[in-house]
Amino acid sequence: MNANNILLISALILFCSCDWGRTPSKNRFQTAADIIIPTDIQIIQDEYQDMWQDYAIIYKIGLTPASTTQLIKSIHKSKYYDPVKAKSSILKAGSESYNGVSGEWLDSEDGYLFQGKEGRTFFSIELDTVNREAIFKELAD
C-alpha cells in the first residue's frame, strides 16, 4: 500500500467518525427536562431531520420495568415536576423556568408528559408507562 492510499483511508475513517458537533439526543433531553435517562434502554429511533435553519430530533426508546421505574423517579426529582401542578389536565409550557429553559411535567393517563421551551426550540416528551416507551422530540423554528 502506498502513502496516498494510506492517507486516503485515514481521511475516510476520520470523516466517517465525526459527529460534526451535535450533542447526542440522550444528553439533549436529559438536560432539557432535568432527568436522567437510564442506561438499560433500547433505542428504537434516533433521527435528526435538517430543514435549513429549522430542525427536528426524534428520539424513541424502549424501557425495561426497572428502567421505567428509574425514569419515573428521575421525573419526580426534576425541577420541572410539581406534584400539585402535575395533576392538571392542561400543559402550559413556560410555567417553570431555569437557566433559560421553561418547562413542565404533567401526569397523563398512560404516564407522563413534558413540554419545554428554550428560545425558539421546543421540547416534548411522552412517557408511556403501560407500553414502557418514551418519545422525545426537539423542534427548532
Protein backbone atom coordinates (compact mmCIF):
# COMPACT_ATOMS: atom_id res chain seq x y z
CA MET A 1 0.00 0.00 0.00
CA ASN A 2 1.46 3.34 -0.94
CA ALA A 3 1.35 6.56 1.10
CA ASN A 4 -1.52 8.03 -0.95
CA ASN A 5 -3.77 5.06 -0.23
CA ILE A 6 -2.96 5.17 3.48
CA LEU A 7 -3.69 8.90 3.56
CA LEU A 8 -6.98 8.40 1.69
CA ILE A 9 -8.11 5.60 4.01
CA SER A 10 -7.14 7.61 7.09
CA ALA A 11 -9.05 10.65 5.83
CA LEU A 12 -12.11 8.49 5.09
CA ILE A 13 -12.05 6.96 8.58
CA LEU A 14 -11.69 10.39 10.17
CA PHE A 15 -14.52 11.80 8.03
CA CYS A 16 -16.89 8.94 8.89
CA SER A 17 -16.16 9.06 12.61
CA CYS A 18 -17.05 12.74 13.01
CA ASP A 19 -20.40 13.63 14.55
CA TRP A 20 -19.96 17.25 13.45
CA GLY A 21 -20.54 18.61 16.93
CA ARG A 22 -24.17 17.61 17.52
CA THR A 23 -24.84 16.76 21.15
CA PRO A 24 -26.21 13.19 21.47
CA SER A 25 -30.01 13.06 21.66
CA LYS A 26 -29.97 11.37 25.06
CA ASN A 27 -27.91 14.21 26.55
CA ARG A 28 -30.10 16.88 24.93
CA PHE A 29 -33.27 15.53 26.53
CA GLN A 30 -31.72 14.86 29.91
CA THR A 31 -30.65 18.50 30.04
CA ALA A 32 -33.89 19.96 28.65
CA ALA A 33 -36.21 18.07 31.03
CA ASP A 34 -33.85 17.80 34.02
CA ILE A 35 -33.99 14.00 34.07
CA ILE A 36 -31.60 11.08 33.87
CA ILE A 37 -32.40 8.56 31.17
CA PRO A 38 -31.46 5.08 32.44
CA THR A 39 -28.72 3.11 30.70
CA ASP A 40 -30.85 -0.04 30.42
CA ILE A 41 -32.83 1.11 27.36
CA GLN A 42 -33.33 0.07 23.77
CA ILE A 43 -33.01 2.88 21.24
CA ILE A 44 -35.86 2.45 18.78
CA GLN A 45 -35.34 5.66 16.82
CA ASP A 46 -32.72 8.41 16.87
CA GLU A 47 -33.47 10.67 13.94
CA TYR A 48 -32.24 14.11 13.00
CA GLN A 49 -34.18 15.99 10.32
CA ASP A 50 -32.47 19.08 8.92
CA MET A 51 -34.62 21.73 7.26
CA TRP A 52 -32.18 24.59 6.64
CA GLN A 53 -32.22 26.69 9.82
CA ASP A 54 -35.03 24.56 11.29
CA TYR A 55 -34.55 21.00 12.53
CA ALA A 56 -36.30 18.19 14.35
CA ILE A 57 -34.88 15.46 16.55
CA ILE A 58 -36.92 12.39 17.39
CA TYR A 59 -35.53 10.00 20.00
CA LYS A 60 -37.66 7.00 20.90
CA ILE A 61 -36.62 4.42 23.47
CA GLY A 62 -37.93 1.17 24.87
CA LEU A 63 -37.69 0.65 28.61
CA THR A 64 -37.48 -2.35 30.92
CA PRO A 65 -39.68 -2.45 34.04
CA ALA A 66 -36.66 -1.38 36.13
CA SER A 67 -35.65 1.46 33.79
CA THR A 68 -39.26 2.67 33.68
CA THR A 69 -39.21 2.93 37.47
CA GLN A 70 -35.85 4.74 37.37
CA LEU A 71 -37.13 7.24 34.82
CA ILE A 72 -40.28 7.93 36.87
CA LYS A 73 -38.15 8.58 39.95
CA SER A 74 -35.99 10.94 37.90
CA ILE A 75 -39.08 12.82 36.66
CA HIS A 76 -40.30 13.23 40.24
CA LYS A 77 -36.91 14.76 41.16
CA SER A 78 -36.93 17.12 38.16
CA LYS A 79 -37.12 20.83 38.88
CA TYR A 80 -39.93 20.92 36.29
CA TYR A 81 -42.13 18.45 38.20
CA ASP A 82 -44.55 19.84 40.74
CA PRO A 83 -46.83 17.09 42.15
CA VAL A 84 -49.73 19.51 42.58
CA LYS A 85 -49.47 21.03 39.09
CA ALA A 86 -48.75 17.61 37.55
CA LYS A 87 -52.34 16.54 38.23
CA SER A 88 -53.62 19.37 35.99
CA SER A 89 -55.08 18.40 32.64
CA ILE A 90 -53.63 21.47 30.93
CA LEU A 91 -49.98 21.57 29.90
CA LYS A 92 -48.69 25.14 29.89
CA ALA A 93 -45.05 25.18 28.84
CA GLY A 94 -43.32 28.07 30.44
CA SER A 95 -44.65 27.79 33.96
CA GLU A 96 -41.23 26.97 35.41
CA SER A 97 -38.00 28.49 34.15
CA TYR A 98 -34.41 27.55 34.99
CA ASN A 99 -31.29 28.66 33.15
CA GLY A 100 -33.30 29.99 30.21
CA VAL A 101 -35.34 26.82 29.77
CA SER A 102 -39.01 26.78 30.69
CA GLY A 103 -40.99 23.60 31.01
CA GLU A 104 -43.44 21.48 32.90
CA TRP A 105 -44.06 17.79 33.62
CA LEU A 106 -47.62 16.51 33.91
CA ASP A 107 -49.14 13.19 34.82
CA SER A 108 -51.04 11.63 31.91
CA GLU A 109 -53.44 8.76 31.54
CA ASP A 110 -50.63 6.45 30.43
CA GLY A 111 -47.63 8.02 32.17
CA TYR A 112 -46.10 11.49 31.93
CA LEU A 113 -45.90 14.41 29.50
CA PHE A 114 -43.34 17.18 29.29
CA GLN A 115 -43.27 20.36 27.24
CA GLY A 116 -40.46 22.83 27.39
CA LYS A 117 -39.04 25.76 25.52
CA GLU A 118 -35.65 27.40 25.20
CA GLY A 119 -35.71 30.40 22.90
CA ARG A 120 -37.18 29.14 19.61
CA THR A 121 -36.55 25.48 20.44
CA PHE A 122 -39.43 23.35 21.72
CA PHE A 123 -39.16 20.06 23.59
CA SER A 124 -41.84 17.46 24.10
CA ILE A 125 -41.63 14.12 25.88
CA GLU A 126 -44.22 11.40 26.23
CA LEU A 127 -43.51 8.60 28.67
CA ASP A 128 -45.90 5.69 28.20
CA THR A 129 -45.52 3.59 31.34
CA VAL A 130 -48.00 0.97 30.09
CA ASN A 131 -46.07 0.14 26.91
CA ARG A 132 -42.73 1.13 28.50
CA GLU A 133 -41.74 3.54 25.75
CA ALA A 134 -40.67 7.15 25.71
CA ILE A 135 -40.52 9.51 22.76
CA PHE A 136 -38.57 12.74 22.88
CA LYS A 137 -38.98 15.48 20.30
CA GLU A 138 -36.97 18.65 19.84
CA LEU A 139 -38.16 21.13 17.25
CA ALA A 140 -36.37 24.33 16.30
CA ASP A 141 -38.20 27.03 14.42
